[in-house]
Structures are given as C-alpha cells and as structure tokens.
Amino acid sequence: MKKEITWEEFENIEIRVGTILEVEDFPEARKPAYKLTIDLGEEVGVKRSSAQITKIYGKDDLVGKQVLCVCNFPQKQIGTFFSEVLTMGFILDNGEVILASAERSVPNGTLLR
C-alpha cells in the first residue's frame, strides 16, 4: 500500500465522468493505444486522451461509453499528440487495462467524491 493521504489531498484530484465521442488508432505510440475524444461536461469541455486499451476494447465498443478521467493533471505529449486528461483504468497482471466507469449513466462532468 502507498503512503496515506489526507482528505484535502484527495479533494485536489479532479476525477470526472465523461462520454467517449470518438476513437482513433494511434500508430505512433510506442505501445498499442487509441486516441480518445471525451465529453467531460460544460465546465471542462471536450478533451483528448491516449489510452493503452487495445487488447480488450475495440473502437466500436468505446464510442458512447462513460469513463472516469483525472482532469487536473498537466497535459502529456506523446509524439505529436497531447493527452489532456488521464483516462482511468485497472491494470491487470497481464498488462491489460479495464476502464473505470460509473455503474449507471451520470451527467458528463460529474465529480467523483
């Protein structure tokens, strides 16, 4: 287990739900990945993210899916692409990633608390 954090530290992490609008292949990435376009609601807007989820998810499986994203990390440059949010998931022992999502549909941009 990692070091414990305070409630105030946790509140600084902005985790929001968003709906995947578009999925593109990302052949320039070192590891197989997709480029995701995600609607994170009015306050955050539409953001892009790179996600190494090609082992389990096909592009058609992802459009319309709600996912959890960390919205207040600095953007990360991956080749010529800028990932603006971190799409969250559970990394299995074999390296596959299961996306983190809401149990039921919630409005885009809703904060996780």
Protein backbone atom coordinates (compact mmCIF):
# COMPACT_ATOMS: atom_id res chain seq x y z
CA MET A 1 0.00 0.00 0.00
CA LYS A 2 1.18 3.52 -0.78
CA LYS A 3 1.56 6.34 1.73
CA GLU A 4 -1.73 7.55 3.22
CA ILE A 5 -3.02 10.91 2.01
CA THR A 6 -5.31 13.40 3.71
CA TRP A 7 -8.88 14.15 2.66
CA GLU A 8 -7.66 17.57 1.47
CA GLU A 9 -5.07 15.91 -0.78
CA PHE A 10 -7.74 13.62 -2.24
CA GLU A 11 -10.02 16.60 -2.89
CA ASN A 12 -7.28 18.10 -5.06
CA ILE A 13 -7.66 15.24 -7.55
CA GLU A 14 -10.34 16.21 -10.05
CA ILE A 15 -11.93 12.95 -11.21
CA ARG A 16 -14.89 13.42 -13.54
CA VAL A 17 -17.04 11.18 -15.69
CA GLY A 18 -17.16 11.72 -19.43
CA THR A 19 -18.54 10.06 -22.54
CA ILE A 20 -16.22 8.87 -25.29
CA LEU A 21 -17.25 10.60 -28.53
CA GLU A 22 -14.55 9.40 -30.90
CA VAL A 23 -11.83 6.74 -31.02
CA GLU A 24 -8.85 6.80 -33.38
CA ASP A 25 -5.93 4.43 -33.87
CA PHE A 26 -2.62 5.75 -32.53
CA PRO A 27 0.07 4.00 -34.62
CA GLU A 28 2.79 6.47 -33.49
CA ALA A 29 2.53 5.33 -29.85
CA ARG A 30 5.28 3.01 -28.55
CA LYS A 31 2.68 0.63 -27.08
CA PRO A 32 -0.65 -0.07 -28.83
CA ALA A 33 -3.10 2.71 -27.91
CA TYR A 34 -6.11 4.70 -29.02
CA LYS A 35 -6.66 8.44 -29.18
CA LEU A 36 -9.93 9.19 -27.36
CA THR A 37 -12.09 12.29 -27.60
CA ILE A 38 -14.14 12.59 -24.38
CA ASP A 39 -17.01 14.94 -23.47
CA LEU A 40 -16.43 15.94 -19.84
CA GLY A 41 -19.35 18.35 -19.50
CA GLU A 42 -19.76 22.10 -19.71
CA GLU A 43 -17.18 23.07 -17.08
CA VAL A 44 -14.30 21.03 -18.55
CA GLY A 45 -15.40 20.60 -22.17
CA VAL A 46 -14.25 18.07 -24.74
CA LYS A 47 -10.75 16.71 -24.09
CA ARG A 48 -8.38 14.22 -25.72
CA SER A 49 -6.66 11.28 -24.07
CA SER A 50 -4.36 8.45 -25.08
CA ALA A 51 -5.25 5.06 -23.64
CA GLN A 52 -3.48 1.71 -23.92
CA ILE A 53 -6.69 -0.31 -24.03
CA THR A 54 -6.48 -2.02 -27.43
CA LYS A 55 -6.12 -5.56 -26.01
CA ILE A 56 -9.64 -5.66 -24.59
CA TYR A 57 -11.61 -2.91 -26.34
CA GLY A 58 -12.42 -2.44 -29.99
CA LYS A 59 -13.13 1.08 -31.24
CA ASP A 60 -16.82 0.32 -31.66
CA ASP A 61 -17.03 -0.86 -28.02
CA LEU A 62 -15.84 2.52 -26.77
CA VAL A 63 -17.95 5.16 -28.52
CA GLY A 64 -20.72 6.19 -26.10
CA LYS A 65 -19.03 4.56 -23.08
CA GLN A 66 -18.73 6.65 -19.93
CA VAL A 67 -15.29 6.64 -18.30
CA LEU A 68 -13.58 8.25 -15.32
CA CYS A 69 -10.83 10.79 -16.02
CA VAL A 70 -8.37 12.78 -13.96
CA CYS A 71 -8.85 16.28 -15.34
CA ASN A 72 -6.26 18.33 -13.46
CA PHE A 73 -3.00 16.65 -14.48
CA PRO A 74 -0.82 18.67 -16.83
CA GLN A 75 -1.18 17.59 -20.45
CA LYS A 76 1.30 14.97 -21.61
CA GLN A 77 2.89 14.97 -25.05
CA ILE A 78 3.08 11.59 -26.75
CA GLY A 79 4.76 12.10 -30.11
CA THR A 80 2.77 14.82 -31.83
CA PHE A 81 -0.33 14.12 -29.72
CA PHE A 82 -1.22 15.94 -26.47
CA SER A 83 -3.14 13.87 -23.92
CA GLU A 84 -5.18 16.40 -21.91
CA VAL A 85 -6.75 14.07 -19.31
CA LEU A 86 -5.87 10.71 -17.78
CA THR A 87 -8.43 8.04 -18.60
CA MET A 88 -8.56 5.79 -15.55
CA GLY A 89 -8.48 2.02 -15.53
CA PHE A 90 -7.48 -1.09 -13.62
CA ILE A 91 -4.19 -2.62 -14.80
CA LEU A 92 -4.26 -6.41 -14.63
CA ASP A 93 -1.19 -8.61 -14.06
CA ASN A 94 -1.02 -9.39 -17.80
CA GLY A 95 -0.91 -5.67 -18.68
CA GLU A 96 -4.47 -5.45 -19.95
CA VAL A 97 -6.49 -2.45 -18.80
CA ILE A 98 -10.14 -2.47 -17.70
CA LEU A 99 -11.62 1.04 -17.90
CA ALA A 100 -13.04 2.61 -14.75
CA SER A 101 -16.61 3.77 -15.26
CA ALA A 102 -19.78 4.74 -13.41
CA GLU A 103 -22.20 1.95 -12.51
CA ARG A 104 -25.07 3.94 -14.06
CA SER A 105 -25.24 6.80 -16.52
CA VAL A 106 -24.49 10.16 -14.91
CA PRO A 107 -24.23 13.65 -16.41
CA ASN A 108 -20.90 14.30 -18.13
CA GLY A 109 -18.58 16.29 -15.90
CA THR A 110 -19.93 14.91 -12.62
CA LEU A 111 -17.18 14.80 -9.98
CA LEU A 112 -16.26 11.56 -8.21
CA ARG A 113 -16.30 12.01 -4.44
